[in-house]
Amino acid sequence: MKDRKNLVALICAAVVMGMTGAAFAAVPLYRLFCQVTGFDGTVKKAESAPTQILDQSVLIRFDTNVRNLPMDFKAEQVSQRVRIGETGMAYFKVTNTSDQPIHATAAYNVVPERAGPYFQKLQCFCFEGQEIGPGETKEFPVQYFVAPEIATDAESKGVREITLSYTFFPTKGFQQAASGQSATGKAG
């Protein structure tokens, strides 16, 4: 009987540990799924820009938000017009308005959602922990394009305006890179 109780306790402990591990893995796995598929308006990461540039253009609007952080966050341009297939570059500035360092991460999405699979980024500061010192301003680039396939997809054929929205939120347990800088941020 004692062996059976020990076995049940061991199974329960393994299940609790497995469920805890699954809970921590769920967010990164969902993020990876969304980035690979463009699901839910999530922008895909591309390895290279398309070779085909169409005569049709799309207006890209930039939206910035901050969730529970003492910082100013804005795009240097409110919008850009790019031809489909052309590489665009946008810059975002963030300023820590407090007297304490801020650890934050930016997440993004695209509206309309049906444009998500076609709006792709080559360089982005999203989903990377950032440390912004007291009073410090950093500039972050985003290099992107709208894939030419958007023009022939029946679901997204009429899209002429896309909004790229970023939200900075606090990150707990952030580990600063050994260099003291993020991979994409420049001290300002």
N, C-alpha and C. Protein backbone atom coordinates (compact mmCIF):
# COMPACT_ATOMS: atom_id res chain seq x y z
N MET A 1 0.82 -1.20 0.00
CA MET A 1 0.00 0.00 0.00
C MET A 1 0.86 1.27 0.00
N LYS A 2 1.98 1.20 0.76
CA LYS A 2 2.88 2.34 0.84
C LYS A 2 3.50 2.64 -0.52
N ASP A 3 3.90 1.60 -1.26
CA ASP A 3 4.47 1.79 -2.59
C ASP A 3 3.46 2.44 -3.53
N ARG A 4 2.21 2.05 -3.41
CA ARG A 4 1.17 2.63 -4.27
C ARG A 4 0.99 4.13 -3.97
N LYS A 5 0.99 4.50 -2.70
CA LYS A 5 0.88 5.91 -2.31
C LYS A 5 2.07 6.71 -2.82
N ASN A 6 3.25 6.14 -2.72
CA ASN A 6 4.45 6.82 -3.24
C ASN A 6 4.36 7.00 -4.74
N LEU A 7 3.86 5.99 -5.45
CA LEU A 7 3.70 6.07 -6.90
C LEU A 7 2.71 7.17 -7.28
N VAL A 8 1.58 7.23 -6.56
CA VAL A 8 0.57 8.26 -6.83
C VAL A 8 1.16 9.65 -6.55
N ALA A 9 1.90 9.81 -5.47
CA ALA A 9 2.52 11.10 -5.14
C ALA A 9 3.54 11.48 -6.21
N LEU A 10 4.31 10.51 -6.68
CA LEU A 10 5.30 10.78 -7.72
C LEU A 10 4.61 11.19 -9.03
N ILE A 11 3.55 10.51 -9.39
CA ILE A 11 2.80 10.86 -10.61
C ILE A 11 2.20 12.25 -10.49
N CYS A 12 1.63 12.57 -9.33
CA CYS A 12 1.04 13.91 -9.12
C CYS A 12 2.11 14.99 -9.22
N ALA A 13 3.28 14.73 -8.62
CA ALA A 13 4.36 15.72 -8.70
C ALA A 13 4.82 15.90 -10.14
N ALA A 14 4.93 14.81 -10.89
CA ALA A 14 5.34 14.89 -12.30
C ALA A 14 4.31 15.66 -13.13
N VAL A 15 3.04 15.43 -12.86
CA VAL A 15 1.98 16.14 -13.59
C VAL A 15 2.04 17.64 -13.29
N VAL A 16 2.20 17.99 -12.02
CA VAL A 16 2.29 19.40 -11.64
C VAL A 16 3.51 20.05 -12.30
N MET A 17 4.64 19.38 -12.28
CA MET A 17 5.84 19.93 -12.91
C MET A 17 5.65 20.05 -14.42
N GLY A 18 5.04 19.05 -15.03
CA GLY A 18 4.78 19.10 -16.47
C GLY A 18 3.84 20.23 -16.85
N MET A 19 2.79 20.42 -16.07
CA MET A 19 1.83 21.50 -16.35
C MET A 19 2.48 22.87 -16.14
N THR A 20 3.33 22.99 -15.12
CA THR A 20 4.03 24.24 -14.90
C THR A 20 4.95 24.55 -16.08
N GLY A 21 5.69 23.55 -16.53
CA GLY A 21 6.55 23.72 -17.70
C GLY A 21 5.76 24.09 -18.94
N ALA A 22 4.60 23.45 -19.13
CA ALA A 22 3.76 23.76 -20.29
C ALA A 22 3.24 25.19 -20.22
N ALA A 23 2.91 25.66 -19.02
CA ALA A 23 2.43 27.04 -18.87
C ALA A 23 3.52 28.03 -19.27
N PHE A 24 4.76 27.79 -18.87
CA PHE A 24 5.85 28.69 -19.24
C PHE A 24 6.18 28.59 -20.73
N ALA A 25 6.02 27.42 -21.32
CA ALA A 25 6.34 27.23 -22.74
C ALA A 25 5.23 27.73 -23.66
N ALA A 26 4.01 27.89 -23.14
CA ALA A 26 2.86 28.23 -23.99
C ALA A 26 3.05 29.58 -24.69
N VAL A 27 3.48 30.59 -23.99
CA VAL A 27 3.62 31.92 -24.59
C VAL A 27 4.69 31.93 -25.69
N PRO A 28 5.91 31.44 -25.43
CA PRO A 28 6.90 31.43 -26.53
C PRO A 28 6.47 30.56 -27.72
N LEU A 29 5.82 29.43 -27.44
CA LEU A 29 5.37 28.58 -28.54
C LEU A 29 4.27 29.25 -29.34
N TYR A 30 3.32 29.92 -28.67
CA TYR A 30 2.26 30.63 -29.38
C TYR A 30 2.85 31.77 -30.20
N ARG A 31 3.81 32.51 -29.62
CA ARG A 31 4.46 33.61 -30.33
C ARG A 31 5.16 33.07 -31.59
N LEU A 32 5.88 31.95 -31.45
CA LEU A 32 6.56 31.35 -32.60
C LEU A 32 5.56 30.94 -33.66
N PHE A 33 4.45 30.31 -33.25
CA PHE A 33 3.41 29.90 -34.18
C PHE A 33 2.86 31.11 -34.94
N CYS A 34 2.57 32.19 -34.22
CA CYS A 34 2.02 33.40 -34.86
C CYS A 34 3.03 34.03 -35.81
N GLN A 35 4.31 34.05 -35.42
CA GLN A 35 5.32 34.65 -36.29
C GLN A 35 5.52 33.83 -37.56
N VAL A 36 5.45 32.51 -37.45
CA VAL A 36 5.66 31.66 -38.62
C VAL A 36 4.47 31.72 -39.57
N THR A 37 3.26 31.77 -39.01
CA THR A 37 2.05 31.70 -39.85
C THR A 37 1.43 33.04 -40.15
N GLY A 38 1.76 34.09 -39.40
CA GLY A 38 1.09 35.37 -39.57
C GLY A 38 -0.29 35.37 -38.91
N PHE A 39 -0.58 34.36 -38.09
CA PHE A 39 -1.88 34.23 -37.42
C PHE A 39 -2.14 35.41 -36.50
N ASP A 40 -3.39 35.83 -36.45
CA ASP A 40 -3.85 36.89 -35.54
C ASP A 40 -3.16 38.22 -35.79
N GLY A 41 -2.84 38.50 -37.06
CA GLY A 41 -2.23 39.77 -37.41
C GLY A 41 -0.78 39.90 -37.02
N THR A 42 -0.15 38.78 -36.68
CA THR A 42 1.25 38.82 -36.27
C THR A 42 2.14 38.86 -37.50
N VAL A 43 3.12 39.72 -37.45
CA VAL A 43 4.05 39.92 -38.56
C VAL A 43 5.04 38.76 -38.61
N LYS A 44 5.31 38.28 -39.82
CA LYS A 44 6.28 37.21 -39.99
C LYS A 44 7.67 37.79 -40.15
N LYS A 45 8.68 37.07 -39.68
CA LYS A 45 10.08 37.46 -39.86
C LYS A 45 10.56 36.84 -41.15
N ALA A 46 11.11 37.66 -42.02
CA ALA A 46 11.60 37.21 -43.31
C ALA A 46 13.12 37.16 -43.31
N GLU A 47 13.67 36.29 -44.12
CA GLU A 47 15.12 36.19 -44.25
C GLU A 47 15.66 37.18 -45.27
N SER A 48 14.86 37.47 -46.30
CA SER A 48 15.32 38.41 -47.33
C SER A 48 14.11 39.12 -47.95
N ALA A 49 14.39 40.26 -48.56
CA ALA A 49 13.33 41.06 -49.20
C ALA A 49 12.94 40.40 -50.53
N PRO A 50 11.71 40.64 -50.98
CA PRO A 50 11.30 40.08 -52.27
C PRO A 50 12.06 40.73 -53.43
N THR A 51 12.16 40.01 -54.51
CA THR A 51 12.83 40.55 -55.70
C THR A 51 11.85 41.29 -56.60
N GLN A 52 10.56 41.06 -56.40
CA GLN A 52 9.53 41.69 -57.22
C GLN A 52 8.93 42.88 -56.48
N ILE A 53 8.92 44.05 -57.12
CA ILE A 53 8.29 45.25 -56.56
C ILE A 53 7.17 45.66 -57.52
N LEU A 54 5.97 45.76 -56.99
CA LEU A 54 4.80 46.09 -57.81
C LEU A 54 4.60 47.60 -57.88
N ASP A 55 3.80 48.03 -58.85
CA ASP A 55 3.47 49.45 -58.98
C ASP A 55 2.44 49.88 -57.93
N GLN A 56 1.72 48.95 -57.35
CA GLN A 56 0.71 49.27 -56.33
C GLN A 56 1.40 49.64 -55.03
N SER A 57 0.81 50.59 -54.33
CA SER A 57 1.40 50.99 -53.05
C SER A 57 0.41 50.76 -51.91
N VAL A 58 0.96 50.75 -50.71
CA VAL A 58 0.17 50.56 -49.49
C VAL A 58 0.61 51.64 -48.50
N LEU A 59 -0.33 52.22 -47.79
CA LEU A 59 -0.02 53.18 -46.74
C LEU A 59 0.18 52.41 -45.44
N ILE A 60 1.34 52.56 -44.84
CA ILE A 60 1.64 51.89 -43.57
C ILE A 60 1.54 52.95 -42.47
N ARG A 61 0.67 52.70 -41.52
CA ARG A 61 0.51 53.59 -40.36
C ARG A 61 1.20 52.96 -39.16
N PHE A 62 1.76 53.79 -38.30
CA PHE A 62 2.47 53.31 -37.12
C PHE A 62 1.76 53.79 -35.87
N ASP A 63 1.46 52.85 -35.00
CA ASP A 63 0.76 53.13 -33.75
C ASP A 63 1.66 52.69 -32.60
N THR A 64 1.81 53.53 -31.57
CA THR A 64 2.64 53.20 -30.43
C THR A 64 1.85 53.32 -29.14
N ASN A 65 2.09 52.38 -28.24
CA ASN A 65 1.39 52.32 -26.96
C ASN A 65 2.36 51.92 -25.87
N VAL A 66 2.06 52.35 -24.64
CA VAL A 66 2.85 51.98 -23.48
C VAL A 66 1.89 51.46 -22.42
N ARG A 67 2.23 50.33 -21.84
CA ARG A 67 1.39 49.75 -20.80
C ARG A 67 2.11 49.82 -19.46
N ASN A 68 1.63 50.67 -18.57
CA ASN A 68 2.12 50.76 -17.19
C ASN A 68 3.62 51.03 -17.08
N LEU A 69 4.13 51.92 -17.89
CA LEU A 69 5.54 52.30 -17.84
C LEU A 69 5.69 53.82 -17.92
N PRO A 70 6.63 54.39 -17.17
CA PRO A 70 6.88 55.84 -17.27
C PRO A 70 7.82 56.14 -18.45
N MET A 71 7.27 56.08 -19.65
CA MET A 71 8.08 56.33 -20.84
C MET A 71 7.25 56.97 -21.93
N ASP A 72 7.97 57.69 -22.81
CA ASP A 72 7.37 58.22 -24.04
C ASP A 72 7.83 57.30 -25.16
N PHE A 73 6.90 56.92 -26.02
CA PHE A 73 7.20 56.01 -27.12
C PHE A 73 6.47 56.51 -28.34
N LYS A 74 7.21 56.76 -29.42
CA LYS A 74 6.56 57.27 -30.63
C LYS A 74 7.35 56.88 -31.87
N ALA A 75 6.63 56.84 -32.97
CA ALA A 75 7.26 56.62 -34.27
C ALA A 75 7.75 57.97 -34.78
N GLU A 76 8.89 57.97 -35.47
CA GLU A 76 9.39 59.23 -36.02
C GLU A 76 8.49 59.73 -37.14
N GLN A 77 7.80 58.82 -37.83
CA GLN A 77 6.80 59.19 -38.85
C GLN A 77 5.49 58.51 -38.47
N VAL A 78 4.39 59.19 -38.69
CA VAL A 78 3.09 58.61 -38.40
C VAL A 78 2.73 57.55 -39.44
N SER A 79 3.20 57.75 -40.68
CA SER A 79 2.89 56.79 -41.75
C SER A 79 3.96 56.87 -42.85
N GLN A 80 3.97 55.84 -43.67
CA GLN A 80 4.84 55.80 -44.84
C GLN A 80 4.06 55.13 -45.96
N ARG A 81 4.29 55.58 -47.17
CA ARG A 81 3.71 54.91 -48.33
C ARG A 81 4.83 54.12 -49.01
N VAL A 82 4.62 52.81 -49.17
CA VAL A 82 5.61 51.95 -49.82
C VAL A 82 4.94 51.16 -50.93
N ARG A 83 5.71 50.86 -51.94
CA ARG A 83 5.21 49.99 -52.99
C ARG A 83 5.24 48.55 -52.49
N ILE A 84 4.31 47.76 -52.94
CA ILE A 84 4.26 46.36 -52.53
C ILE A 84 5.53 45.67 -53.02
N GLY A 85 6.25 45.03 -52.09
CA GLY A 85 7.51 44.36 -52.38
C GLY A 85 8.72 45.22 -52.06
N GLU A 86 8.53 46.53 -51.89
CA GLU A 86 9.63 47.45 -51.58
C GLU A 86 9.95 47.38 -50.09
N THR A 87 11.23 47.49 -49.75
CA THR A 87 11.63 47.48 -48.35
C THR A 87 11.46 48.88 -47.77
N GLY A 88 10.79 48.94 -46.63
CA GLY A 88 10.61 50.20 -45.91
C GLY A 88 11.40 50.18 -44.61
N MET A 89 11.70 51.35 -44.07
CA MET A 89 12.42 51.46 -42.81
C MET A 89 11.72 52.50 -41.96
N ALA A 90 11.37 52.12 -40.75
CA ALA A 90 10.73 53.05 -39.81
C ALA A 90 11.57 53.09 -38.54
N TYR A 91 11.57 54.26 -37.88
CA TYR A 91 12.32 54.42 -36.65
C TYR A 91 11.37 54.81 -35.53
N PHE A 92 11.62 54.23 -34.36
CA PHE A 92 10.82 54.49 -33.18
C PHE A 92 11.74 54.97 -32.07
N LYS A 93 11.28 55.97 -31.31
CA LYS A 93 12.05 56.49 -30.18
C LYS A 93 11.30 56.22 -28.89
N VAL A 94 12.07 55.80 -27.90
CA VAL A 94 11.51 55.58 -26.58
C VAL A 94 12.38 56.32 -25.57
N THR A 95 11.72 57.04 -24.66
CA THR A 95 12.42 57.80 -23.63
C THR A 95 11.90 57.39 -22.26
N ASN A 96 12.81 57.03 -21.39
CA ASN A 96 12.48 56.72 -20.00
C ASN A 96 12.31 58.05 -19.28
N THR A 97 11.11 58.34 -18.81
CA THR A 97 10.83 59.62 -18.15
C THR A 97 10.97 59.53 -16.63
N SER A 98 11.46 58.39 -16.14
CA SER A 98 11.61 58.22 -14.69
C SER A 98 13.07 58.35 -14.28
N ASP A 99 13.30 58.24 -12.97
CA ASP A 99 14.67 58.28 -12.46
C ASP A 99 15.18 56.88 -12.13
N GLN A 100 14.50 55.86 -12.65
CA GLN A 100 14.88 54.46 -12.44
C GLN A 100 15.03 53.76 -13.79
N PRO A 101 15.90 52.74 -13.89
CA PRO A 101 15.96 52.00 -15.15
C PRO A 101 14.65 51.26 -15.41
N ILE A 102 14.31 51.11 -16.66
CA ILE A 102 13.10 50.39 -17.07
C ILE A 102 13.51 49.16 -17.85
N HIS A 103 12.90 48.04 -17.53
CA HIS A 103 13.05 46.81 -18.29
C HIS A 103 11.73 46.57 -18.99
N ALA A 104 11.76 46.53 -20.32
CA ALA A 104 10.52 46.44 -21.08
C ALA A 104 10.71 45.62 -22.35
N THR A 105 9.60 45.16 -22.89
CA THR A 105 9.57 44.42 -24.15
C THR A 105 8.44 44.98 -24.99
N ALA A 106 8.67 45.07 -26.30
CA ALA A 106 7.62 45.54 -27.21
C ALA A 106 7.02 44.35 -27.95
N ALA A 107 5.72 44.32 -27.99
CA ALA A 107 4.98 43.34 -28.80
C ALA A 107 4.26 44.11 -29.90
N TYR A 108 3.85 43.42 -30.95
CA TYR A 108 3.24 44.10 -32.08
C TYR A 108 2.12 43.29 -32.68
N ASN A 109 1.33 43.95 -33.49
CA ASN A 109 0.36 43.27 -34.34
C ASN A 109 0.05 44.15 -35.54
N VAL A 110 -0.67 43.57 -36.49
CA VAL A 110 -1.00 44.25 -37.73
C VAL A 110 -2.51 44.23 -37.91
N VAL A 111 -3.04 45.37 -38.37
CA VAL A 111 -4.47 45.49 -38.69
C VAL A 111 -4.56 46.02 -40.10
N PRO A 112 -5.37 45.46 -40.97
CA PRO A 112 -6.28 44.35 -40.74
C PRO A 112 -5.53 43.02 -40.62
N GLU A 113 -6.11 42.10 -39.86
CA GLU A 113 -5.48 40.82 -39.59
C GLU A 113 -5.14 40.07 -40.88
N ARG A 114 -5.96 40.21 -41.90
CA ARG A 114 -5.72 39.46 -43.14
C ARG A 114 -4.44 39.91 -43.84
N ALA A 115 -3.88 41.06 -43.44
CA ALA A 115 -2.60 41.52 -44.00
C ALA A 115 -1.41 40.94 -43.24
N GLY A 116 -1.64 40.35 -42.07
CA GLY A 116 -0.58 39.80 -41.23
C GLY A 116 0.40 38.89 -41.95
N PRO A 117 -0.07 37.93 -42.74
CA PRO A 117 0.88 37.03 -43.41
C PRO A 117 1.75 37.72 -44.45
N TYR A 118 1.34 38.89 -44.93
CA TYR A 118 2.06 39.57 -46.01
C TYR A 118 2.94 40.71 -45.52
N PHE A 119 2.65 41.22 -44.34
CA PHE A 119 3.50 42.26 -43.76
C PHE A 119 4.62 41.54 -43.03
N GLN A 120 5.82 41.65 -43.56
CA GLN A 120 6.94 40.89 -43.01
C GLN A 120 8.08 41.82 -42.63
N LYS A 121 8.78 41.45 -41.58
CA LYS A 121 9.88 42.29 -41.10
C LYS A 121 11.22 41.59 -41.34
N LEU A 122 12.20 42.40 -41.65
CA LEU A 122 13.57 41.93 -41.80
C LEU A 122 14.38 42.23 -40.54
N GLN A 123 14.02 43.32 -39.86
CA GLN A 123 14.69 43.73 -38.63
C GLN A 123 13.65 44.34 -37.71
N CYS A 124 13.69 43.97 -36.42
CA CYS A 124 12.70 44.47 -35.48
C CYS A 124 13.23 44.38 -34.06
N PHE A 125 12.79 45.27 -33.21
CA PHE A 125 13.18 45.27 -31.80
C PHE A 125 12.17 44.53 -30.94
N CYS A 126 11.14 44.00 -31.56
CA CYS A 126 10.05 43.37 -30.83
C CYS A 126 10.48 42.05 -30.17
N PHE A 127 9.85 41.76 -29.07
CA PHE A 127 10.05 40.55 -28.29
C PHE A 127 11.48 40.40 -27.77
N GLU A 128 12.23 41.49 -27.74
CA GLU A 128 13.56 41.49 -27.15
C GLU A 128 13.51 42.37 -25.90
N GLY A 129 14.00 41.86 -24.79
CA GLY A 129 14.05 42.66 -23.58
C GLY A 129 14.95 43.87 -23.78
N GLN A 130 14.48 45.02 -23.37
CA GLN A 130 15.24 46.27 -23.49
C GLN A 130 15.43 46.86 -22.10
N GLU A 131 16.60 47.40 -21.87
CA GLU A 131 16.82 48.17 -20.64
C GLU A 131 17.06 49.61 -21.06
N ILE A 132 16.27 50.51 -20.50
CA ILE A 132 16.38 51.93 -20.81
C ILE A 132 16.67 52.65 -19.49
N GLY A 133 17.83 53.30 -19.45
CA GLY A 133 18.27 53.96 -18.23
C GLY A 133 17.43 55.19 -17.90
N PRO A 134 17.57 55.69 -16.68
CA PRO A 134 16.81 56.88 -16.26
C PRO A 134 17.09 58.06 -17.19
N GLY A 135 16.04 58.64 -17.76
CA GLY A 135 16.17 59.78 -18.66
C GLY A 135 16.75 59.44 -20.03
N GLU A 136 17.04 58.19 -20.29
CA GLU A 136 17.68 57.79 -21.55
C GLU A 136 16.66 57.70 -22.69
N THR A 137 17.13 58.06 -23.89
CA THR A 137 16.34 57.90 -25.12
C THR A 137 17.05 56.91 -26.02
N LYS A 138 16.30 55.96 -26.56
CA LYS A 138 16.84 54.99 -27.51
C LYS A 138 16.02 55.04 -28.78
N GLU A 139 16.68 54.74 -29.88
CA GLU A 139 16.02 54.68 -31.19
C GLU A 139 16.07 53.24 -31.68
N PHE A 140 14.93 52.76 -32.16
CA PHE A 140 14.83 51.39 -32.64
C PHE A 140 14.34 51.37 -34.09
N PRO A 141 15.07 50.69 -34.98
CA PRO A 141 14.64 50.59 -36.37
C PRO A 141 13.76 49.36 -36.61
N VAL A 142 12.90 49.47 -37.59
CA VAL A 142 12.12 48.33 -38.09
C VAL A 142 12.24 48.36 -39.60
N GLN A 143 12.75 47.29 -40.16
CA GLN A 143 12.85 47.16 -41.61
C GLN A 143 11.80 46.14 -42.03
N TYR A 144 10.98 46.48 -43.00
CA TYR A 144 9.82 45.66 -43.35
C TYR A 144 9.52 45.74 -44.83
N PHE A 145 8.59 44.88 -45.27
CA PHE A 145 8.03 44.96 -46.62
C PHE A 145 6.67 44.29 -46.61
N VAL A 146 5.88 44.60 -47.63
CA VAL A 146 4.60 43.93 -47.84
C VAL A 146 4.83 42.99 -49.02
N ALA A 147 4.66 41.69 -48.78
CA ALA A 147 4.94 40.68 -49.80
C ALA A 147 4.03 40.84 -51.02
N PRO A 148 4.57 40.67 -52.22
CA PRO A 148 3.79 40.83 -53.45
C PRO A 148 2.57 39.92 -53.54
N GLU A 149 2.57 38.81 -52.84
CA GLU A 149 1.45 37.87 -52.88
C GLU A 149 0.15 38.49 -52.36
N ILE A 150 0.25 39.59 -51.61
CA ILE A 150 -0.96 40.25 -51.10
C ILE A 150 -1.85 40.73 -52.25
N ALA A 151 -1.24 41.05 -53.38
CA ALA A 151 -1.99 41.59 -54.52
C ALA A 151 -2.83 40.53 -55.23
N THR A 152 -2.49 39.26 -55.05
CA THR A 152 -3.23 38.19 -55.74
C THR A 152 -4.08 37.34 -54.81
N ASP A 153 -3.95 37.52 -53.51
CA ASP A 153 -4.76 36.77 -52.55
C ASP A 153 -6.16 37.38 -52.50
N ALA A 154 -7.17 36.55 -52.73
CA ALA A 154 -8.55 37.03 -52.76
C ALA A 154 -8.98 37.66 -51.43
N GLU A 155 -8.47 37.15 -50.31
CA GLU A 155 -8.83 37.66 -48.99
C GLU A 155 -8.25 39.05 -48.71
N SER A 156 -7.09 39.34 -49.24
CA SER A 156 -6.41 40.59 -48.90
C SER A 156 -6.17 41.50 -50.10
N LYS A 157 -6.74 41.16 -51.23
CA LYS A 157 -6.49 41.89 -52.48
C LYS A 157 -6.78 43.39 -52.38
N GLY A 158 -7.79 43.79 -51.65
CA GLY A 158 -8.17 45.20 -51.58
C GLY A 158 -7.48 45.99 -50.47
N VAL A 159 -6.55 45.41 -49.75
CA VAL A 159 -5.89 46.11 -48.65
C VAL A 159 -4.99 47.20 -49.21
N ARG A 160 -5.26 48.45 -48.82
CA ARG A 160 -4.46 49.58 -49.26
C ARG A 160 -3.87 50.35 -48.09
N GLU A 161 -4.23 49.93 -46.87
CA GLU A 161 -3.74 50.59 -45.67
C GLU A 161 -3.53 49.53 -44.59
N ILE A 162 -2.35 49.56 -43.96
CA ILE A 162 -1.99 48.60 -42.91
C ILE A 162 -1.50 49.39 -41.71
N THR A 163 -1.94 49.02 -40.53
CA THR A 163 -1.46 49.65 -39.30
C THR A 163 -0.58 48.66 -38.55
N LEU A 164 0.66 49.08 -38.27
CA LEU A 164 1.59 48.31 -37.45
C LEU A 164 1.56 48.94 -36.06
N SER A 165 1.13 48.17 -35.09
CA SER A 165 0.94 48.69 -33.74
C SER A 165 1.91 48.01 -32.77
N TYR A 166 2.65 48.82 -32.02
CA TYR A 166 3.58 48.31 -31.01
C TYR A 166 3.10 48.73 -29.63
N THR A 167 3.29 47.83 -28.65
CA THR A 167 3.01 48.15 -27.26
C THR A 167 4.20 47.72 -26.42
N PHE A 168 4.77 48.67 -25.66
CA PHE A 168 5.82 48.36 -24.70
C PHE A 168 5.16 48.01 -23.38
N PHE A 169 5.61 46.91 -22.76
CA PHE A 169 5.09 46.52 -21.46
C PHE A 169 6.25 46.13 -20.56
N PRO A 170 6.05 46.20 -19.23
CA PRO A 170 7.15 45.89 -18.30
C PRO A 170 7.58 44.43 -18.42
N THR A 171 8.88 44.21 -18.27
CA THR A 171 9.43 42.86 -18.29
C THR A 171 10.12 42.62 -16.97
N LYS A 172 9.72 41.58 -16.29
CA LYS A 172 10.37 41.22 -15.02
C LYS A 172 11.44 40.18 -15.29
N GLY A 173 12.51 40.24 -14.53
CA GLY A 173 13.58 39.26 -14.66
C GLY A 173 14.41 39.42 -15.91
N PHE A 174 14.40 40.62 -16.47
CA PHE A 174 15.18 40.89 -17.68
C PHE A 174 16.67 40.73 -17.38
N GLN A 175 17.36 40.04 -18.26
CA GLN A 175 18.82 39.89 -18.15
C GLN A 175 19.47 40.74 -19.23
N GLN A 176 20.23 41.73 -18.82
CA GLN A 176 20.89 42.62 -19.78
C GLN A 176 21.98 41.85 -20.51
N ALA A 177 22.12 42.11 -21.79
CA ALA A 177 23.16 41.48 -22.59
C ALA A 177 24.53 41.88 -22.05
N ALA A 178 25.51 41.03 -22.27
CA ALA A 178 26.86 41.29 -21.74
C ALA A 178 27.42 42.61 -22.25
N SER A 179 27.00 43.02 -23.43
CA SER A 179 27.51 44.26 -24.00
C SER A 179 26.87 45.50 -23.38
N GLY A 180 25.77 45.33 -22.66
CA GLY A 180 25.09 46.47 -22.08
C GLY A 180 24.13 47.15 -23.04
N GLN A 181 23.99 46.65 -24.25
CA GLN A 181 23.07 47.20 -25.26
C GLN A 181 22.18 46.08 -25.75
N SER A 182 21.01 46.42 -26.25
CA SER A 182 20.18 45.43 -26.93
C SER A 182 20.79 45.18 -28.30
N ALA A 183 20.30 44.17 -28.97
CA ALA A 183 20.85 43.84 -30.29
C ALA A 183 20.51 44.91 -31.32
N THR A 184 19.40 45.65 -31.14
CA THR A 184 18.99 46.58 -32.17
C THR A 184 18.90 48.02 -31.70
N GLY A 185 18.91 48.26 -30.39
CA GLY A 185 18.75 49.62 -29.90
C GLY A 185 20.05 50.39 -29.90
N LYS A 186 19.95 51.68 -30.13
CA LYS A 186 21.11 52.57 -30.07
C LYS A 186 20.83 53.58 -28.98
N ALA A 187 21.80 53.80 -28.14
CA ALA A 187 21.62 54.84 -27.11
C ALA A 187 21.52 56.19 -27.79
N GLY A 188 20.63 57.06 -27.26
CA GLY A 188 20.42 58.35 -27.92
C GLY A 188 20.89 59.50 -27.12
